[in-house]
Protein backbone atom coordinates (compact mmCIF):
# COMPACT_ATOMS: atom_id res chain seq x y z
CA MET A 1 9.60 54.60 41.27
CA ALA A 2 11.82 51.96 42.89
CA GLU A 3 9.16 51.41 45.58
CA VAL A 4 6.51 50.72 42.92
CA ARG A 5 8.89 48.32 41.18
CA ASN A 6 9.49 46.48 44.48
CA VAL A 7 5.74 46.15 45.08
CA LEU A 8 5.27 44.81 41.55
CA MET A 9 8.12 42.34 42.04
CA ALA A 10 6.60 41.15 45.34
CA SER A 11 3.20 40.75 43.68
CA LYS A 12 4.77 38.87 40.78
CA LYS A 13 6.52 36.58 43.28
CA LEU A 14 3.20 35.86 45.03
CA LEU A 15 1.45 35.23 41.70
CA ASP A 16 4.22 32.91 40.56
CA GLY A 17 4.24 31.16 43.95
CA VAL A 18 0.54 30.34 43.90
CA ALA A 19 0.73 29.35 40.23
CA SER A 20 3.58 26.94 40.97
CA ILE A 21 1.65 25.35 43.86
CA ILE A 22 -1.39 24.63 41.70
CA ALA A 23 0.48 23.94 38.45
CA ASP A 24 -0.71 20.34 38.25
CA TYR A 25 -4.38 21.11 38.93
CA ARG A 26 -6.46 19.25 36.33
CA LYS A 27 -3.29 18.40 34.45
CA CYS A 28 -3.97 17.32 30.86
CA GLU A 29 -7.56 18.62 31.13
CA ILE A 30 -6.84 22.35 31.08
CA GLU A 31 -3.84 24.58 30.48
CA PRO A 32 -1.66 24.80 33.61
CA PRO A 33 -2.61 27.85 35.70
CA ASP A 34 0.05 30.56 35.43
CA ALA A 35 0.66 33.91 37.10
CA ASP A 36 -1.73 35.65 34.68
CA HIS A 37 -4.47 33.17 35.54
CA VAL A 38 -3.93 33.69 39.28
CA ASN A 39 -3.91 37.47 38.74
CA ARG A 40 -7.27 37.32 36.90
CA TRP A 41 -8.68 35.21 39.75
CA ILE A 42 -7.55 37.56 42.53
CA SER A 43 -8.78 40.58 40.56
CA GLN A 44 -12.39 39.55 41.16
CA PHE A 45 -12.04 40.83 44.73
CA ASP A 46 -12.09 44.46 45.82
CA ALA A 47 -8.62 45.99 45.86
CA GLU A 48 -8.56 46.54 49.62
CA VAL A 49 -9.09 42.83 50.41
CA ARG A 50 -6.89 41.29 47.70
CA ASP A 51 -3.65 41.23 49.69
CA PRO A 52 -5.12 39.54 52.79
CA ILE A 53 -7.01 36.99 50.67
CA PHE A 54 -4.01 36.36 48.48
CA ASN A 55 -1.62 35.90 51.38
CA GLU A 56 -4.04 33.50 53.08
CA ILE A 57 -4.62 31.52 49.89
CA GLN A 58 -0.88 31.14 49.39
CA HIS A 59 -0.46 30.07 53.02
CA VAL A 60 -3.30 27.53 52.93
CA LEU A 61 -2.44 26.08 49.52
CA GLY A 62 1.21 25.84 50.47
CA ARG A 63 0.29 23.69 53.47
CA THR A 64 -2.66 21.69 52.15
CA TYR A 65 -2.53 21.32 48.37
CA ILE A 66 -1.77 17.72 47.47
CA THR A 67 0.13 17.41 44.21
CA ARG A 68 -0.45 14.63 41.72
CA SER A 69 3.05 13.30 42.32
CA SER A 70 2.55 13.04 46.10
CA VAL A 71 -0.76 11.21 45.55
CA ALA A 72 0.92 8.86 43.09
CA ARG A 73 3.76 8.19 45.54
CA GLY A 74 1.21 7.44 48.24
CA LEU A 75 -0.78 5.11 46.03
CA ILE A 76 2.30 3.30 44.79
CA GLY A 77 3.64 3.05 48.33
CA SER A 78 0.40 1.63 49.72
CA THR A 79 0.04 -0.77 46.77
CA LEU A 80 3.53 -2.09 47.39
CA GLY A 81 3.01 -2.23 51.14
CA PHE A 82 5.21 0.77 52.03
CA GLU A 83 2.70 2.55 54.25
């Protein structure tokens, strides 16, 4: 039972991690994506490929997703000549 709980906790951590990366996606247009949203998305894939896809998505988004605040900082910096 403890092993199942650990797997669920790890999955919850992954879900929360991806949700936090994309939290500002389409901000003010749609509700912020949460762990349940991410879980529904990953559930479209067959069970045996979910973990590899999910781990890769988290890896790629963690390295490439550009948040609204980082875009704003870049725009403000370039407007003020702080490139």
